[in-house]
């Protein structure tokens, strides 16, 4: 009797299969399709098809999360795993990110008091992981930057904007 292992595809990870997630992660970290194919011992065409499928799934997942959170979409880039929009409910810009490590995360711009928040280190480490996954160089000692400012720098970088805490690669 043969057993089939069922894999659970979840919204938080964009409904990607494990292989699609690995390929998307390698591409988002800067590897070219040929290098990914060589690294994984598969054809470049397989990589290309997997990326096309992954990007469609990620785009759908980002839009689904925006709809669930009532975020009006302004910009969507599945290849970068990024959605920028506006939350009418919270009256603030909103960002939805996807990375292979953190899955989908929803962020709302705010000028909160990060120093008194119990989740300051969780937010900081998640944002730094997002930057690392994208090979982004953030300036300054990141342990001293408040997560709200770190988020501003990261989202500006993803969106292709310059910020005082980022540097061009």
C-alpha atoms as a PDB file:
ATOM      1  CA  UNK A   1       0.000   0.000   0.000  1.00  0.00           C
ATOM      2  CA  UNK A   2       1.389   3.411  -0.983  1.00  0.00           C
ATOM      3  CA  UNK A   3       0.864   6.408   1.214  1.00  0.00           C
ATOM      4  CA  UNK A   4       0.488   9.886  -0.110  1.00  0.00           C
ATOM      5  CA  UNK A   5       1.666  12.754   2.015  1.00  0.00           C
ATOM      6  CA  UNK A   6      -0.831  15.593   1.821  1.00  0.00           C
ATOM      7  CA  UNK A   7       0.662  19.017   1.923  1.00  0.00           C
ATOM      8  CA  UNK A   8      -1.436  21.794   3.275  1.00  0.00           C
ATOM      9  CA  UNK A   9      -1.341  24.909   1.134  1.00  0.00           C
ATOM     10  CA  UNK A  10      -2.118  27.947   3.253  1.00  0.00           C
ATOM     11  CA  UNK A  11      -3.004  31.570   2.597  1.00  0.00           C
ATOM     12  CA  UNK A  12      -0.196  32.829   4.823  1.00  0.00           C
ATOM     13  CA  UNK A  13       2.305  31.214   2.460  1.00  0.00           C
ATOM     14  CA  UNK A  14       0.485  32.270  -0.703  1.00  0.00           C
ATOM     15  CA  UNK A  15      -0.801  28.767  -1.412  1.00  0.00           C
ATOM     16  CA  UNK A  16       2.672  27.892  -2.719  1.00  0.00           C
ATOM     17  CA  UNK A  17       3.922  24.338  -2.819  1.00  0.00           C
ATOM     18  CA  UNK A  18       7.203  23.760  -0.962  1.00  0.00           C
ATOM     19  CA  UNK A  19       9.133  23.685  -4.265  1.00  0.00           C
ATOM     20  CA  UNK A  20       7.474  26.900  -5.531  1.00  0.00           C
ATOM     21  CA  UNK A  21       8.323  28.571  -2.232  1.00  0.00           C
ATOM     22  CA  UNK A  22      12.001  27.568  -2.512  1.00  0.00           C
ATOM     23  CA  UNK A  23      12.248  28.734  -6.124  1.00  0.00           C
ATOM     24  CA  UNK A  24      10.471  32.033  -5.383  1.00  0.00           C
ATOM     25  CA  UNK A  25      12.735  32.606  -2.361  1.00  0.00           C
ATOM     26  CA  UNK A  26      15.890  32.006  -4.386  1.00  0.00           C
ATOM     27  CA  UNK A  27      14.683  34.365  -7.125  1.00  0.00           C
ATOM     28  CA  UNK A  28      13.695  37.072  -4.630  1.00  0.00           C
ATOM     29  CA  UNK A  29      17.144  36.842  -3.045  1.00  0.00           C
ATOM     30  CA  UNK A  30      18.654  37.804  -6.386  1.00  0.00           C
ATOM     31  CA  UNK A  31      19.519  34.535  -8.134  1.00  0.00           C
ATOM     32  CA  UNK A  32      18.872  34.272 -11.855  1.00  0.00           C
ATOM     33  CA  UNK A  33      16.691  31.461 -13.220  1.00  0.00           C
ATOM     34  CA  UNK A  34      19.702  29.611 -14.681  1.00  0.00           C
ATOM     35  CA  UNK A  35      21.486  29.655 -11.313  1.00  0.00           C
ATOM     36  CA  UNK A  36      18.342  28.445  -9.534  1.00  0.00           C
ATOM     37  CA  UNK A  37      17.972  25.594 -12.037  1.00  0.00           C
ATOM     38  CA  UNK A  38      21.580  24.556 -11.523  1.00  0.00           C
ATOM     39  CA  UNK A  39      21.319  24.778  -7.739  1.00  0.00           C
ATOM     40  CA  UNK A  40      18.156  22.662  -7.647  1.00  0.00           C
ATOM     41  CA  UNK A  41      19.161  20.311 -10.494  1.00  0.00           C
ATOM     42  CA  UNK A  42      16.087  21.139 -12.563  1.00  0.00           C
ATOM     43  CA  UNK A  43      15.616  22.802 -15.937  1.00  0.00           C
ATOM     44  CA  UNK A  44      15.456  26.556 -16.391  1.00  0.00           C
ATOM     45  CA  UNK A  45      12.037  26.052 -17.990  1.00  0.00           C
ATOM     46  CA  UNK A  46      10.808  24.344 -14.810  1.00  0.00           C
ATOM     47  CA  UNK A  47      12.098  27.285 -12.789  1.00  0.00           C
ATOM     48  CA  UNK A  48      10.404  29.748 -15.145  1.00  0.00           C
ATOM     49  CA  UNK A  49       7.046  27.926 -15.018  1.00  0.00           C
ATOM     50  CA  UNK A  50       7.269  27.585 -11.229  1.00  0.00           C
ATOM     51  CA  UNK A  51       7.966  31.316 -10.873  1.00  0.00           C
ATOM     52  CA  UNK A  52       5.061  32.225 -13.152  1.00  0.00           C
ATOM     53  CA  UNK A  53       2.721  30.035 -11.116  1.00  0.00           C
ATOM     54  CA  UNK A  54       4.138  31.258  -7.796  1.00  0.00           C
ATOM     55  CA  UNK A  55       3.767  34.913  -8.806  1.00  0.00           C
ATOM     56  CA  UNK A  56       0.137  34.345  -9.827  1.00  0.00           C
ATOM     57  CA  UNK A  57      -0.593  32.638  -6.502  1.00  0.00           C
ATOM     58  CA  UNK A  58       1.204  35.332  -4.492  1.00  0.00           C
ATOM     59  CA  UNK A  59      -0.638  38.094  -6.364  1.00  0.00           C
ATOM     60  CA  UNK A  60      -3.954  36.382  -5.651  1.00  0.00           C
ATOM     61  CA  UNK A  61      -3.050  35.888  -1.980  1.00  0.00           C
ATOM     62  CA  UNK A  62      -1.971  39.525  -1.551  1.00  0.00           C
ATOM     63  CA  UNK A  63      -5.254  40.681  -3.105  1.00  0.00           C
ATOM     64  CA  UNK A  64      -7.225  38.292  -0.896  1.00  0.00           C
ATOM     65  CA  UNK A  65      -5.498  39.621   2.231  1.00  0.00           C
ATOM     66  CA  UNK A  66      -6.194  43.202   1.093  1.00  0.00           C
ATOM     67  CA  UNK A  67      -9.860  42.343   0.632  1.00  0.00           C
ATOM     68  CA  UNK A  68     -10.097  40.631   4.039  1.00  0.00           C
ATOM     69  CA  UNK A  69      -8.460  43.658   5.701  1.00  0.00           C
ATOM     70  CA  UNK A  70     -10.472  46.179   3.642  1.00  0.00           C
ATOM     71  CA  UNK A  71      -7.333  47.698   2.116  1.00  0.00           C
ATOM     72  CA  UNK A  72      -7.789  49.685  -1.099  1.00  0.00           C
ATOM     73  CA  UNK A  73      -4.973  48.555  -3.412  1.00  0.00           C
ATOM     74  CA  UNK A  74      -2.707  51.212  -4.906  1.00  0.00           C
ATOM     75  CA  UNK A  75       0.251  49.082  -6.035  1.00  0.00           C
ATOM     76  CA  UNK A  76       0.718  45.342  -6.336  1.00  0.00           C
ATOM     77  CA  UNK A  77       3.961  43.614  -7.293  1.00  0.00           C
ATOM     78  CA  UNK A  78       3.812  39.838  -6.849  1.00  0.00           C
ATOM     79  CA  UNK A  79       7.428  39.405  -8.005  1.00  0.00           C
ATOM     80  CA  UNK A  80       8.530  41.558  -5.069  1.00  0.00           C
ATOM     81  CA  UNK A  81       5.885  40.116  -2.734  1.00  0.00           C
ATOM     82  CA  UNK A  82       4.488  43.562  -2.007  1.00  0.00           C
ATOM     83  CA  UNK A  83       1.162  45.350  -1.974  1.00  0.00           C
ATOM     84  CA  UNK A  84       0.715  49.008  -1.069  1.00  0.00           C
ATOM     85  CA  UNK A  85      -2.700  50.376  -0.274  1.00  0.00           C
ATOM     86  CA  UNK A  86      -4.819  52.434   2.058  1.00  0.00           C
ATOM     87  CA  UNK A  87      -6.954  51.371   5.000  1.00  0.00           C
ATOM     88  CA  UNK A  88     -10.056  53.537   5.186  1.00  0.00           C
ATOM     89  CA  UNK A  89     -10.892  51.877   8.498  1.00  0.00           C
ATOM     90  CA  UNK A  90      -7.618  52.935  10.144  1.00  0.00           C
ATOM     91  CA  UNK A  91      -7.200  56.029   7.929  1.00  0.00           C
ATOM     92  CA  UNK A  92      -3.585  55.155   7.122  1.00  0.00           C
ATOM     93  CA  UNK A  93      -1.399  53.634   4.427  1.00  0.00           C
ATOM     94  CA  UNK A  94      -1.183  49.849   4.606  1.00  0.00           C
ATOM     95  CA  UNK A  95       1.398  47.415   3.292  1.00  0.00           C
ATOM     96  CA  UNK A  96       1.146  43.695   2.735  1.00  0.00           C
ATOM     97  CA  UNK A  97       4.366  41.757   2.257  1.00  0.00           C
ATOM     98  CA  UNK A  98       5.152  38.194   1.282  1.00  0.00           C
ATOM     99  CA  UNK A  99       8.398  36.371   1.932  1.00  0.00           C
ATOM    100  CA  UNK A 100       9.172  32.676   1.992  1.00  0.00           C
ATOM    101  CA  UNK A 101      10.304  32.974   5.620  1.00  0.00           C
ATOM    102  CA  UNK A 102       7.563  35.178   7.105  1.00  0.00           C
ATOM    103  CA  UNK A 103       4.705  34.413   4.737  1.00  0.00           C
ATOM    104  CA  UNK A 104       2.167  37.209   4.360  1.00  0.00           C
ATOM    105  CA  UNK A 105       2.351  40.068   6.827  1.00  0.00           C
ATOM    106  CA  UNK A 106       0.047  43.095   7.059  1.00  0.00           C
ATOM    107  CA  UNK A 107       1.522  46.396   8.207  1.00  0.00           C
ATOM    108  CA  UNK A 108      -0.227  49.696   8.941  1.00  0.00           C
ATOM    109  CA  UNK A 109       1.722  52.955   8.976  1.00  0.00           C
ATOM    110  CA  UNK A 110       1.550  54.617  12.339  1.00  0.00           C
ATOM    111  CA  UNK A 111       3.495  56.879  14.611  1.00  0.00           C
ATOM    112  CA  UNK A 112       3.000  54.719  17.667  1.00  0.00           C
ATOM    113  CA  UNK A 113       5.094  54.542  20.753  1.00  0.00           C
ATOM    114  CA  UNK A 114       7.236  51.566  19.778  1.00  0.00           C
ATOM    115  CA  UNK A 115       9.441  51.854  22.879  1.00  0.00           C
ATOM    116  CA  UNK A 116       6.518  50.891  25.129  1.00  0.00           C
ATOM    117  CA  UNK A 117       5.113  48.131  22.918  1.00  0.00           C
ATOM    118  CA  UNK A 118       5.587  44.528  24.031  1.00  0.00           C
ATOM    119  CA  UNK A 119       6.102  43.450  20.415  1.00  0.00           C
ATOM    120  CA  UNK A 120       8.950  45.837  19.579  1.00  0.00           C
ATOM    121  CA  UNK A 121      11.539  43.071  19.135  1.00  0.00           C
ATOM    122  CA  UNK A 122       9.120  40.830  17.222  1.00  0.00           C
ATOM    123  CA  UNK A 123       8.339  43.666  14.798  1.00  0.00           C
ATOM    124  CA  UNK A 124      12.021  44.587  14.462  1.00  0.00           C
ATOM    125  CA  UNK A 125      13.145  41.005  13.811  1.00  0.00           C
ATOM    126  CA  UNK A 126      10.349  40.393  11.280  1.00  0.00           C
ATOM    127  CA  UNK A 127      11.201  43.608   9.415  1.00  0.00           C
ATOM    128  CA  UNK A 128      14.919  42.767   9.431  1.00  0.00           C
ATOM    129  CA  UNK A 129      14.130  39.279   8.107  1.00  0.00           C
ATOM    130  CA  UNK A 130      12.068  40.885   5.318  1.00  0.00           C
ATOM    131  CA  UNK A 131      15.031  43.118   4.432  1.00  0.00           C
ATOM    132  CA  UNK A 132      17.484  40.209   4.556  1.00  0.00           C
ATOM    133  CA  UNK A 133      15.249  38.022   2.356  1.00  0.00           C
ATOM    134  CA  UNK A 134      15.309  40.786  -0.252  1.00  0.00           C
ATOM    135  CA  UNK A 135      19.074  41.441   0.067  1.00  0.00           C
ATOM    136  CA  UNK A 136      18.414  45.014   1.165  1.00  0.00           C
ATOM    137  CA  UNK A 137      21.096  46.941   2.941  1.00  0.00           C
ATOM    138  CA  UNK A 138      19.715  49.106   5.730  1.00  0.00           C
ATOM    139  CA  UNK A 139      21.941  51.825   7.085  1.00  0.00           C
ATOM    140  CA  UNK A 140      22.524  52.739  10.722  1.00  0.00           C
ATOM    141  CA  UNK A 141      22.497  50.446  13.731  1.00  0.00           C
ATOM    142  CA  UNK A 142      19.150  48.716  13.200  1.00  0.00           C
ATOM    143  CA  UNK A 143      18.865  47.927  16.905  1.00  0.00           C
ATOM    144  CA  UNK A 144      18.429  51.660  17.521  1.00  0.00           C
ATOM    145  CA  UNK A 145      15.862  52.332  14.790  1.00  0.00           C
ATOM    146  CA  UNK A 146      12.249  52.082  15.926  1.00  0.00           C
ATOM    147  CA  UNK A 147      10.255  49.449  14.024  1.00  0.00           C
ATOM    148  CA  UNK A 148       7.939  52.135  12.612  1.00  0.00           C
ATOM    149  CA  UNK A 149      10.966  53.901  11.050  1.00  0.00           C
ATOM    150  CA  UNK A 150      12.488  50.589   9.973  1.00  0.00           C
ATOM    151  CA  UNK A 151       9.192  49.747   8.254  1.00  0.00           C
ATOM    152  CA  UNK A 152       9.213  53.125   6.468  1.00  0.00           C
ATOM    153  CA  UNK A 153      12.741  52.414   5.189  1.00  0.00           C
ATOM    154  CA  UNK A 154      11.950  48.855   4.135  1.00  0.00           C
ATOM    155  CA  UNK A 155       8.700  49.675   2.341  1.00  0.00           C
ATOM    156  CA  UNK A 156      10.289  52.650   0.576  1.00  0.00           C
ATOM    157  CA  UNK A 157      13.065  50.345  -0.618  1.00  0.00           C
ATOM    158  CA  UNK A 158      10.630  47.668  -1.820  1.00  0.00           C
ATOM    159  CA  UNK A 159       8.576  50.303  -3.629  1.00  0.00           C
ATOM    160  CA  UNK A 160      11.753  51.629  -5.263  1.00  0.00           C
ATOM    161  CA  UNK A 161      11.894  54.868  -3.314  1.00  0.00           C
ATOM    162  CA  UNK A 162      14.902  56.280  -1.462  1.00  0.00           C
ATOM    163  CA  UNK A 163      14.854  56.765   2.313  1.00  0.00           C
ATOM    164  CA  UNK A 164      17.441  58.082   4.791  1.00  0.00           C
ATOM    165  CA  UNK A 165      17.836  54.571   6.288  1.00  0.00           C
ATOM    166  CA  UNK A 166      18.425  52.742   2.985  1.00  0.00           C
ATOM    167  CA  UNK A 167      21.193  52.529   0.454  1.00  0.00           C
ATOM    168  CA  UNK A 168      21.117  51.576  -3.211  1.00  0.00           C
ATOM    169  CA  UNK A 169      22.497  48.078  -3.826  1.00  0.00           C
END
